[in-house]
Amino acid sequence: MRLVLASASPRRLALLGQIGLIPSAVVATDIDETPLKAEVPRVLALRLARGKAQAATEPGAFVLAADTVVGLGRRVLPKAETEAEAAKCLDLLSGRRHHVITAVVLIDPSGRRTERVCDSVVGFNRITDAQKRDYLASGEWQGKAGGYAIQGRAAALIRFLSGSHSNVVGLPLFETAQLLRGAGYPIS
């Protein structure tokens, strides 16, 4: 059975490997990820994951797509592309809790779509100016939703996590495995 991962994220590929899944193909989709006006984090994550799955659809294959969004209330924090964006995200997250929402979409060989949404709550300690400077200098924030990577140096800034750690990295493994099993894809 062919499994296509509709994601260019090396983290998602590595996470799948943790549960013994090696996709037959990895397809980087090119969809507009700009949030729509007044779009809330959960709705955005679902829309983007659906779009990625649809863009990578391959006859006879299982197509797996995901998108992770960091939300602070109704606000969507960006995938930081500049140091200034990352600094703004860290300022907003400092001393607060926020949600990391990942939508996972699976299209099976018959074209049936199933999906799950995983929501984890992450709490940052109050970040000092020195901690922020050091983290920004590390470059780990580049291209990361909310401007941080929990699997790296940011772990030292996080005082609280409720939910799935793998979700915060970029792919909730339990929910992903359940989707695949439910659709008939062989997974232990």
C-alpha atoms as a PDB file:
ATOM      1  CA  MET A   1       0.000   0.000   0.000  1.00  0.00           C
ATOM      2  CA  ARG A   2       1.324   3.379  -1.002  1.00  0.00           C
ATOM      3  CA  LEU A   3       1.490   6.191   1.577  1.00  0.00           C
ATOM      4  CA  VAL A   4       2.077   9.756   0.394  1.00  0.00           C
ATOM      5  CA  LEU A   5       3.040  12.409   2.931  1.00  0.00           C
ATOM      6  CA  ALA A   6       1.785  15.791   1.723  1.00  0.00           C
ATOM      7  CA  SER A   7       4.324  17.839   3.635  1.00  0.00           C
ATOM      8  CA  ALA A   8       7.814  19.209   3.145  1.00  0.00           C
ATOM      9  CA  SER A   9       8.373  19.218   6.921  1.00  0.00           C
ATOM     10  CA  PRO A  10      11.379  17.136   7.963  1.00  0.00           C
ATOM     11  CA  ARG A  11       9.879  17.014  11.471  1.00  0.00           C
ATOM     12  CA  ARG A  12       6.726  15.272  10.232  1.00  0.00           C
ATOM     13  CA  LEU A  13       8.767  12.755   8.297  1.00  0.00           C
ATOM     14  CA  ALA A  14      10.924  12.039  11.364  1.00  0.00           C
ATOM     15  CA  LEU A  15       7.850  11.716  13.583  1.00  0.00           C
ATOM     16  CA  LEU A  16       6.308   9.154  11.229  1.00  0.00           C
ATOM     17  CA  GLY A  17       9.581   7.231  11.390  1.00  0.00           C
ATOM     18  CA  GLN A  18       9.242   7.069  15.189  1.00  0.00           C
ATOM     19  CA  ILE A  19       6.161   4.888  14.763  1.00  0.00           C
ATOM     20  CA  GLY A  20       7.706   2.816  11.990  1.00  0.00           C
ATOM     21  CA  LEU A  21       6.119   4.544   9.003  1.00  0.00           C
ATOM     22  CA  ILE A  22       8.185   5.424   5.960  1.00  0.00           C
ATOM     23  CA  PRO A  23       6.101   7.136   3.258  1.00  0.00           C
ATOM     24  CA  SER A  24       6.423   5.918  -0.313  1.00  0.00           C
ATOM     25  CA  ALA A  25       6.606   9.552  -1.412  1.00  0.00           C
ATOM     26  CA  VAL A  26       6.883  12.997   0.142  1.00  0.00           C
ATOM     27  CA  VAL A  27       5.119  15.767  -1.779  1.00  0.00           C
ATOM     28  CA  ALA A  28       5.673  19.418  -0.963  1.00  0.00           C
ATOM     29  CA  THR A  29       2.397  21.149  -1.733  1.00  0.00           C
ATOM     30  CA  ASP A  30       2.231  24.787  -2.715  1.00  0.00           C
ATOM     31  CA  ILE A  31      -0.924  26.257  -1.217  1.00  0.00           C
ATOM     32  CA  ASP A  32      -1.549  29.756   0.087  1.00  0.00           C
ATOM     33  CA  GLU A  33      -1.300  29.554   3.881  1.00  0.00           C
ATOM     34  CA  THR A  34      -2.468  33.104   4.529  1.00  0.00           C
ATOM     35  CA  PRO A  35      -5.224  33.155   7.162  1.00  0.00           C
ATOM     36  CA  LEU A  36      -8.561  34.442   5.922  1.00  0.00           C
ATOM     37  CA  LYS A  37     -10.061  37.493   7.604  1.00  0.00           C
ATOM     38  CA  ALA A  38     -11.347  36.550  11.100  1.00  0.00           C
ATOM     39  CA  GLU A  39     -10.291  32.891  10.602  1.00  0.00           C
ATOM     40  CA  VAL A  40      -9.684  31.213  13.970  1.00  0.00           C
ATOM     41  CA  PRO A  41      -6.740  28.826  14.534  1.00  0.00           C
ATOM     42  CA  ARG A  42      -8.708  25.523  14.417  1.00  0.00           C
ATOM     43  CA  VAL A  43     -10.533  26.445  11.210  1.00  0.00           C
ATOM     44  CA  LEU A  44      -7.268  27.575   9.579  1.00  0.00           C
ATOM     45  CA  ALA A  45      -5.447  24.339  10.495  1.00  0.00           C
ATOM     46  CA  LEU A  46      -8.267  22.232   9.021  1.00  0.00           C
ATOM     47  CA  ARG A  47      -8.521  24.292   5.846  1.00  0.00           C
ATOM     48  CA  LEU A  48      -4.784  24.094   5.212  1.00  0.00           C
ATOM     49  CA  ALA A  49      -4.500  20.357   5.942  1.00  0.00           C
ATOM     50  CA  ARG A  50      -7.451  19.643   3.634  1.00  0.00           C
ATOM     51  CA  GLY A  51      -5.884  21.766   0.906  1.00  0.00           C
ATOM     52  CA  LYS A  52      -2.535  19.994   1.208  1.00  0.00           C
ATOM     53  CA  ALA A  53      -4.179  16.551   1.087  1.00  0.00           C
ATOM     54  CA  GLN A  54      -6.232  17.509  -1.954  1.00  0.00           C
ATOM     55  CA  ALA A  55      -3.209  18.966  -3.740  1.00  0.00           C
ATOM     56  CA  ALA A  56      -1.239  15.729  -3.268  1.00  0.00           C
ATOM     57  CA  THR A  57      -4.050  13.271  -4.067  1.00  0.00           C
ATOM     58  CA  GLU A  58      -2.763  10.272  -5.977  1.00  0.00           C
ATOM     59  CA  PRO A  59      -5.033   7.518  -7.331  1.00  0.00           C
ATOM     60  CA  GLY A  60      -4.754   4.294  -5.326  1.00  0.00           C
ATOM     61  CA  ALA A  61      -2.684   5.844  -2.520  1.00  0.00           C
ATOM     62  CA  PHE A  62      -3.239   6.894   1.048  1.00  0.00           C
ATOM     63  CA  VAL A  63      -2.464  10.629   1.260  1.00  0.00           C
ATOM     64  CA  LEU A  64      -1.626  12.060   4.672  1.00  0.00           C
ATOM     65  CA  ALA A  65      -1.461  15.819   5.286  1.00  0.00           C
ATOM     66  CA  ALA A  66      -1.206  17.981   8.374  1.00  0.00           C
ATOM     67  CA  ASP A  67      -0.964  21.603   9.343  1.00  0.00           C
ATOM     68  CA  THR A  68       0.000  23.070  12.709  1.00  0.00           C
ATOM     69  CA  VAL A  69      -1.198  26.462  13.905  1.00  0.00           C
ATOM     70  CA  VAL A  70      -0.277  28.317  17.084  1.00  0.00           C
ATOM     71  CA  GLY A  71      -3.196  30.240  18.507  1.00  0.00           C
ATOM     72  CA  LEU A  72      -3.335  32.829  21.239  1.00  0.00           C
ATOM     73  CA  GLY A  73      -7.045  33.175  21.862  1.00  0.00           C
ATOM     74  CA  ARG A  74      -8.613  33.783  18.441  1.00  0.00           C
ATOM     75  CA  ARG A  75      -5.326  35.127  17.109  1.00  0.00           C
ATOM     76  CA  VAL A  76      -3.151  33.054  14.749  1.00  0.00           C
ATOM     77  CA  LEU A  77       0.577  33.474  15.325  1.00  0.00           C
ATOM     78  CA  PRO A  78       2.662  33.313  12.137  1.00  0.00           C
ATOM     79  CA  LYS A  79       5.313  30.874  11.017  1.00  0.00           C
ATOM     80  CA  ALA A  80       8.151  33.240  11.825  1.00  0.00           C
ATOM     81  CA  GLU A  81      10.140  34.163   8.730  1.00  0.00           C
ATOM     82  CA  THR A  82      12.068  37.091  10.206  1.00  0.00           C
ATOM     83  CA  GLU A  83      13.775  37.652  13.520  1.00  0.00           C
ATOM     84  CA  ALA A  84      11.373  40.537  14.193  1.00  0.00           C
ATOM     85  CA  GLU A  85       8.365  38.203  13.719  1.00  0.00           C
ATOM     86  CA  ALA A  86       9.918  35.614  16.037  1.00  0.00           C
ATOM     87  CA  ALA A  87      10.647  38.275  18.668  1.00  0.00           C
ATOM     88  CA  LYS A  88       7.048  39.501  18.515  1.00  0.00           C
ATOM     89  CA  CYS A  89       5.762  35.919  18.924  1.00  0.00           C
ATOM     90  CA  LEU A  90       8.023  35.323  21.928  1.00  0.00           C
ATOM     91  CA  ASP A  91       6.863  38.604  23.501  1.00  0.00           C
ATOM     92  CA  LEU A  92       3.232  37.546  23.067  1.00  0.00           C
ATOM     93  CA  LEU A  93       3.854  34.029  24.451  1.00  0.00           C
ATOM     94  CA  SER A  94       5.994  35.107  27.413  1.00  0.00           C
ATOM     95  CA  GLY A  95       4.328  34.184  30.706  1.00  0.00           C
ATOM     96  CA  ARG A  96       1.169  32.938  28.962  1.00  0.00           C
ATOM     97  CA  ARG A  97      -0.530  29.765  27.817  1.00  0.00           C
ATOM     98  CA  HIS A  98      -1.449  29.196  24.191  1.00  0.00           C
ATOM     99  CA  HIS A  99      -2.868  26.457  21.975  1.00  0.00           C
ATOM    100  CA  VAL A 100      -1.011  24.408  19.394  1.00  0.00           C
ATOM    101  CA  ILE A 101      -3.551  22.922  16.988  1.00  0.00           C
ATOM    102  CA  THR A 102      -2.711  20.347  14.356  1.00  0.00           C
ATOM    103  CA  ALA A 103      -5.246  19.124  11.831  1.00  0.00           C
ATOM    104  CA  VAL A 104      -4.453  15.752  10.261  1.00  0.00           C
ATOM    105  CA  VAL A 105      -6.253  14.748   7.069  1.00  0.00           C
ATOM    106  CA  LEU A 106      -6.133  11.335   5.391  1.00  0.00           C
ATOM    107  CA  ILE A 107      -7.521  10.569   1.947  1.00  0.00           C
ATOM    108  CA  ASP A 108      -7.756   6.805   1.373  1.00  0.00           C
ATOM    109  CA  PRO A 109      -7.437   5.052  -2.003  1.00  0.00           C
ATOM    110  CA  SER A 110     -11.214   5.230  -2.523  1.00  0.00           C
ATOM    111  CA  GLY A 111     -11.115   9.020  -2.126  1.00  0.00           C
ATOM    112  CA  ARG A 112     -12.767   9.046   1.324  1.00  0.00           C
ATOM    113  CA  ARG A 113     -11.437  11.793   3.576  1.00  0.00           C
ATOM    114  CA  THR A 114     -11.103  11.445   7.342  1.00  0.00           C
ATOM    115  CA  GLU A 115      -9.635  13.969   9.719  1.00  0.00           C
ATOM    116  CA  ARG A 116      -8.663  14.636  13.314  1.00  0.00           C
ATOM    117  CA  VAL A 117      -7.746  17.812  15.155  1.00  0.00           C
ATOM    118  CA  CYS A 118      -5.390  17.735  18.114  1.00  0.00           C
ATOM    119  CA  ASP A 119      -5.174  20.666  20.526  1.00  0.00           C
ATOM    120  CA  SER A 120      -2.346  20.958  23.058  1.00  0.00           C
ATOM    121  CA  VAL A 121      -1.926  23.744  25.602  1.00  0.00           C
ATOM    122  CA  VAL A 122       1.589  25.091  26.126  1.00  0.00           C
ATOM    123  CA  GLY A 123       2.638  27.527  28.838  1.00  0.00           C
ATOM    124  CA  PHE A 124       5.784  29.629  28.581  1.00  0.00           C
ATOM    125  CA  ASN A 125       7.649  30.942  31.559  1.00  0.00           C
ATOM    126  CA  ARG A 126       8.185  34.685  31.544  1.00  0.00           C
ATOM    127  CA  ILE A 127      11.017  35.120  29.045  1.00  0.00           C
ATOM    128  CA  THR A 128      13.855  37.452  30.010  1.00  0.00           C
ATOM    129  CA  ASP A 129      15.500  39.750  27.478  1.00  0.00           C
ATOM    130  CA  ALA A 130      18.673  37.633  27.649  1.00  0.00           C
ATOM    131  CA  GLN A 131      16.715  34.404  27.029  1.00  0.00           C
ATOM    132  CA  LYS A 132      14.946  35.989  24.074  1.00  0.00           C
ATOM    133  CA  ARG A 133      18.227  37.263  22.600  1.00  0.00           C
ATOM    134  CA  ASP A 134      19.850  33.828  22.982  1.00  0.00           C
ATOM    135  CA  TYR A 135      16.892  32.024  21.473  1.00  0.00           C
ATOM    136  CA  LEU A 136      16.677  34.381  18.514  1.00  0.00           C
ATOM    137  CA  ALA A 137      20.432  33.985  17.937  1.00  0.00           C
ATOM    138  CA  SER A 138      19.975  30.184  17.741  1.00  0.00           C
ATOM    139  CA  GLY A 139      17.883  30.513  14.558  1.00  0.00           C
ATOM    140  CA  GLU A 140      15.615  27.646  15.659  1.00  0.00           C
ATOM    141  CA  TRP A 141      12.584  29.899  15.252  1.00  0.00           C
ATOM    142  CA  GLN A 142      12.914  30.093  11.449  1.00  0.00           C
ATOM    143  CA  GLY A 143       9.763  28.828   9.746  1.00  0.00           C
ATOM    144  CA  LYS A 144       8.258  27.599  13.005  1.00  0.00           C
ATOM    145  CA  ALA A 145       4.644  28.313  13.912  1.00  0.00           C
ATOM    146  CA  GLY A 146       4.617  30.726  16.823  1.00  0.00           C
ATOM    147  CA  GLY A 147       8.344  31.352  16.402  1.00  0.00           C
ATOM    148  CA  TYR A 148       9.613  28.422  18.475  1.00  0.00           C
ATOM    149  CA  ALA A 149      10.462  24.721  18.350  1.00  0.00           C
ATOM    150  CA  ILE A 150       9.583  22.729  21.483  1.00  0.00           C
ATOM    151  CA  GLN A 151      12.002  19.981  20.428  1.00  0.00           C
ATOM    152  CA  GLY A 152      14.930  22.399  20.675  1.00  0.00           C
ATOM    153  CA  ARG A 153      16.156  25.138  22.983  1.00  0.00           C
ATOM    154  CA  ALA A 154      12.650  26.482  23.578  1.00  0.00           C
ATOM    155  CA  ALA A 155      12.006  23.439  25.781  1.00  0.00           C
ATOM    156  CA  ALA A 156      13.916  25.290  28.534  1.00  0.00           C
ATOM    157  CA  LEU A 157      11.359  28.128  28.358  1.00  0.00           C
ATOM    158  CA  ILE A 158       8.244  25.962  28.620  1.00  0.00           C
ATOM    159  CA  ARG A 159       6.826  25.390  32.095  1.00  0.00           C
ATOM    160  CA  PHE A 160       3.607  23.605  31.154  1.00  0.00           C
ATOM    161  CA  LEU A 161       2.310  21.213  28.509  1.00  0.00           C
ATOM    162  CA  SER A 162      -1.113  19.626  28.455  1.00  0.00           C
ATOM    163  CA  GLY A 163      -1.713  17.291  25.554  1.00  0.00           C
ATOM    164  CA  SER A 164       0.431  15.699  22.896  1.00  0.00           C
ATOM    165  CA  HIS A 165       4.120  16.610  22.715  1.00  0.00           C
ATOM    166  CA  SER A 166       4.351  15.237  19.154  1.00  0.00           C
ATOM    167  CA  ASN A 167       1.445  17.531  18.231  1.00  0.00           C
ATOM    168  CA  VAL A 168       3.483  20.559  19.288  1.00  0.00           C
ATOM    169  CA  VAL A 169       6.408  19.279  17.199  1.00  0.00           C
ATOM    170  CA  GLY A 170       4.067  19.040  14.190  1.00  0.00           C
ATOM    171  CA  LEU A 171       2.212  15.708  13.993  1.00  0.00           C
ATOM    172  CA  PRO A 172       0.116  14.091  16.743  1.00  0.00           C
ATOM    173  CA  LEU A 173       1.265  10.486  16.463  1.00  0.00           C
ATOM    174  CA  PHE A 174      -1.581   8.807  18.357  1.00  0.00           C
ATOM    175  CA  GLU A 175      -4.258  10.517  16.272  1.00  0.00           C
ATOM    176  CA  THR A 176      -2.337   9.890  13.044  1.00  0.00           C
ATOM    177  CA  ALA A 177      -1.947   6.179  13.801  1.00  0.00           C
ATOM    178  CA  GLN A 178      -5.663   5.937  14.638  1.00  0.00           C
ATOM    179  CA  LEU A 179      -6.614   7.580  11.326  1.00  0.00           C
ATOM    180  CA  LEU A 180      -4.406   5.210   9.348  1.00  0.00           C
ATOM    181  CA  ARG A 181      -5.640   2.085  11.182  1.00  0.00           C
ATOM    182  CA  GLY A 182      -9.251   3.165  10.770  1.00  0.00           C
ATOM    183  CA  ALA A 183      -8.762   3.551   7.012  1.00  0.00           C
ATOM    184  CA  GLY A 184      -7.169   0.112   6.700  1.00  0.00           C
ATOM    185  CA  TYR A 185      -3.522   1.121   6.372  1.00  0.00           C
ATOM    186  CA  PRO A 186      -1.298  -1.506   8.049  1.00  0.00           C
ATOM    187  CA  ILE A 187       0.326  -0.091  11.172  1.00  0.00           C
ATOM    188  CA  SER A 188       1.359  -1.910  14.360  1.00  0.00           C
END
